[in-house]
C-alpha cells in the first residue's frame, strides 16, 4: 500500500462504514519494529508466523466483537 499505512487505511474505511471490523496482521515474520501497542484498543491483531488454529481463533474474536 504505497503511501498509506494500515492504520490510515482502516480509519478511512471505518469512516465510510463505522461497523466495519478490521484485523491487523504483522508484516514481519520476526516481529520487525511493528508493535500491536500502536493500534487502537480492542484491535484484533495477528502476528506472523501463525497457524490455522490461531487464525481461526482471531477471526472468531473479531466476529464476536461487539461495537
C-alpha atoms as a PDB file:
ATOM      1  CA  UNK A   1       0.000   0.000   0.000  1.00  0.00           C
ATOM      2  CA  UNK A   2       2.344   2.707  -1.190  1.00  0.00           C
ATOM      3  CA  UNK A   3       1.813   5.944   0.698  1.00  0.00           C
ATOM      4  CA  UNK A   4      -0.890   4.581   3.017  1.00  0.00           C
ATOM      5  CA  UNK A   5      -0.334   2.796   6.313  1.00  0.00           C
ATOM      6  CA  UNK A   6      -2.647   0.177   7.744  1.00  0.00           C
ATOM      7  CA  UNK A   7      -3.966   2.463  10.492  1.00  0.00           C
ATOM      8  CA  UNK A   8      -4.731   5.210   7.985  1.00  0.00           C
ATOM      9  CA  UNK A   9      -6.485   2.799   5.623  1.00  0.00           C
ATOM     10  CA  UNK A  10      -8.551   1.328   8.471  1.00  0.00           C
ATOM     11  CA  UNK A  11      -9.545   4.826   9.659  1.00  0.00           C
ATOM     12  CA  UNK A  12     -10.635   5.800   6.142  1.00  0.00           C
ATOM     13  CA  UNK A  13     -12.660   2.620   5.684  1.00  0.00           C
ATOM     14  CA  UNK A  14     -14.259   2.895   9.137  1.00  0.00           C
ATOM     15  CA  UNK A  15     -15.270   6.499   8.374  1.00  0.00           C
ATOM     16  CA  UNK A  16     -17.243   5.165   5.408  1.00  0.00           C
ATOM     17  CA  UNK A  17     -18.514   2.060   7.235  1.00  0.00           C
ATOM     18  CA  UNK A  18     -18.391   2.550  11.036  1.00  0.00           C
ATOM     19  CA  UNK A  19     -19.407  -1.049  11.784  1.00  0.00           C
ATOM     20  CA  UNK A  20     -16.516  -2.444   9.724  1.00  0.00           C
ATOM     21  CA  UNK A  21     -14.353  -4.890  11.652  1.00  0.00           C
ATOM     22  CA  UNK A  22     -10.646  -4.838  10.913  1.00  0.00           C
ATOM     23  CA  UNK A  23      -7.903  -7.316  11.709  1.00  0.00           C
ATOM     24  CA  UNK A  24      -4.281  -6.206  11.557  1.00  0.00           C
ATOM     25  CA  UNK A  25      -1.561  -8.662  10.627  1.00  0.00           C
ATOM     26  CA  UNK A  26       2.139  -8.147  11.199  1.00  0.00           C
ATOM     27  CA  UNK A  27       4.182  -7.862   8.044  1.00  0.00           C
ATOM     28  CA  UNK A  28       7.413  -9.079   9.587  1.00  0.00           C
ATOM     29  CA  UNK A  29       7.936 -12.751  10.412  1.00  0.00           C
ATOM     30  CA  UNK A  30      10.398 -11.743  13.114  1.00  0.00           C
ATOM     31  CA  UNK A  31       8.182  -9.046  14.619  1.00  0.00           C
ATOM     32  CA  UNK A  32      10.174  -6.243  12.978  1.00  0.00           C
ATOM     33  CA  UNK A  33       9.644  -2.843  14.539  1.00  0.00           C
ATOM     34  CA  UNK A  34       5.850  -3.000  14.441  1.00  0.00           C
ATOM     35  CA  UNK A  35       4.016  -3.275  17.716  1.00  0.00           C
ATOM     36  CA  UNK A  36       0.389  -4.133  18.423  1.00  0.00           C
ATOM     37  CA  UNK A  37       0.580  -1.400  21.061  1.00  0.00           C
ATOM     38  CA  UNK A  38       0.495   1.164  18.237  1.00  0.00           C
ATOM     39  CA  UNK A  39      -3.055   0.057  17.398  1.00  0.00           C
ATOM     40  CA  UNK A  40      -6.294   1.320  18.910  1.00  0.00           C
ATOM     41  CA  UNK A  41      -7.521  -0.562  21.996  1.00  0.00           C
ATOM     42  CA  UNK A  42      -9.503  -3.764  21.360  1.00  0.00           C
ATOM     43  CA  UNK A  43      -7.998  -4.177  17.890  1.00  0.00           C
ATOM     44  CA  UNK A  44      -7.701  -7.730  16.628  1.00  0.00           C
ATOM     45  CA  UNK A  45      -4.061  -8.423  15.785  1.00  0.00           C
ATOM     46  CA  UNK A  46      -2.492 -11.452  14.135  1.00  0.00           C
ATOM     47  CA  UNK A  47       1.268 -11.860  14.375  1.00  0.00           C
ATOM     48  CA  UNK A  48       3.250 -13.904  11.867  1.00  0.00           C
ATOM     49  CA  UNK A  49       4.021 -16.714  11.821  1.00  0.00           C
ATOM     50  CA  UNK A  50       0.675 -18.187  12.792  1.00  0.00           C
ATOM     51  CA  UNK A  51      -1.126 -21.484  12.498  1.00  0.00           C
ATOM     52  CA  UNK A  52      -4.557 -22.058  11.056  1.00  0.00           C
ATOM     53  CA  UNK A  53      -5.853 -22.609  14.594  1.00  0.00           C
ATOM     54  CA  UNK A  54      -4.601 -19.171  15.662  1.00  0.00           C
ATOM     55  CA  UNK A  55      -6.097 -17.545  12.540  1.00  0.00           C
ATOM     56  CA  UNK A  56      -9.434 -19.212  13.289  1.00  0.00           C
ATOM     57  CA  UNK A  57      -9.291 -18.019  16.916  1.00  0.00           C
ATOM     58  CA  UNK A  58      -8.546 -14.415  15.897  1.00  0.00           C
ATOM     59  CA  UNK A  59     -11.322 -14.489  13.277  1.00  0.00           C
ATOM     60  CA  UNK A  60     -13.749 -15.762  15.924  1.00  0.00           C
ATOM     61  CA  UNK A  61     -12.618 -12.975  18.276  1.00  0.00           C
ATOM     62  CA  UNK A  62     -13.190 -10.412  15.528  1.00  0.00           C
ATOM     63  CA  UNK A  63     -16.644 -11.691  14.593  1.00  0.00           C
ATOM     64  CA  UNK A  64     -17.754 -11.851  18.217  1.00  0.00           C
ATOM     65  CA  UNK A  65     -16.534  -8.323  18.983  1.00  0.00           C
ATOM     66  CA  UNK A  66     -19.413  -6.015  19.679  1.00  0.00           C
ATOM     67  CA  UNK A  67     -19.175  -2.376  18.671  1.00  0.00           C
END
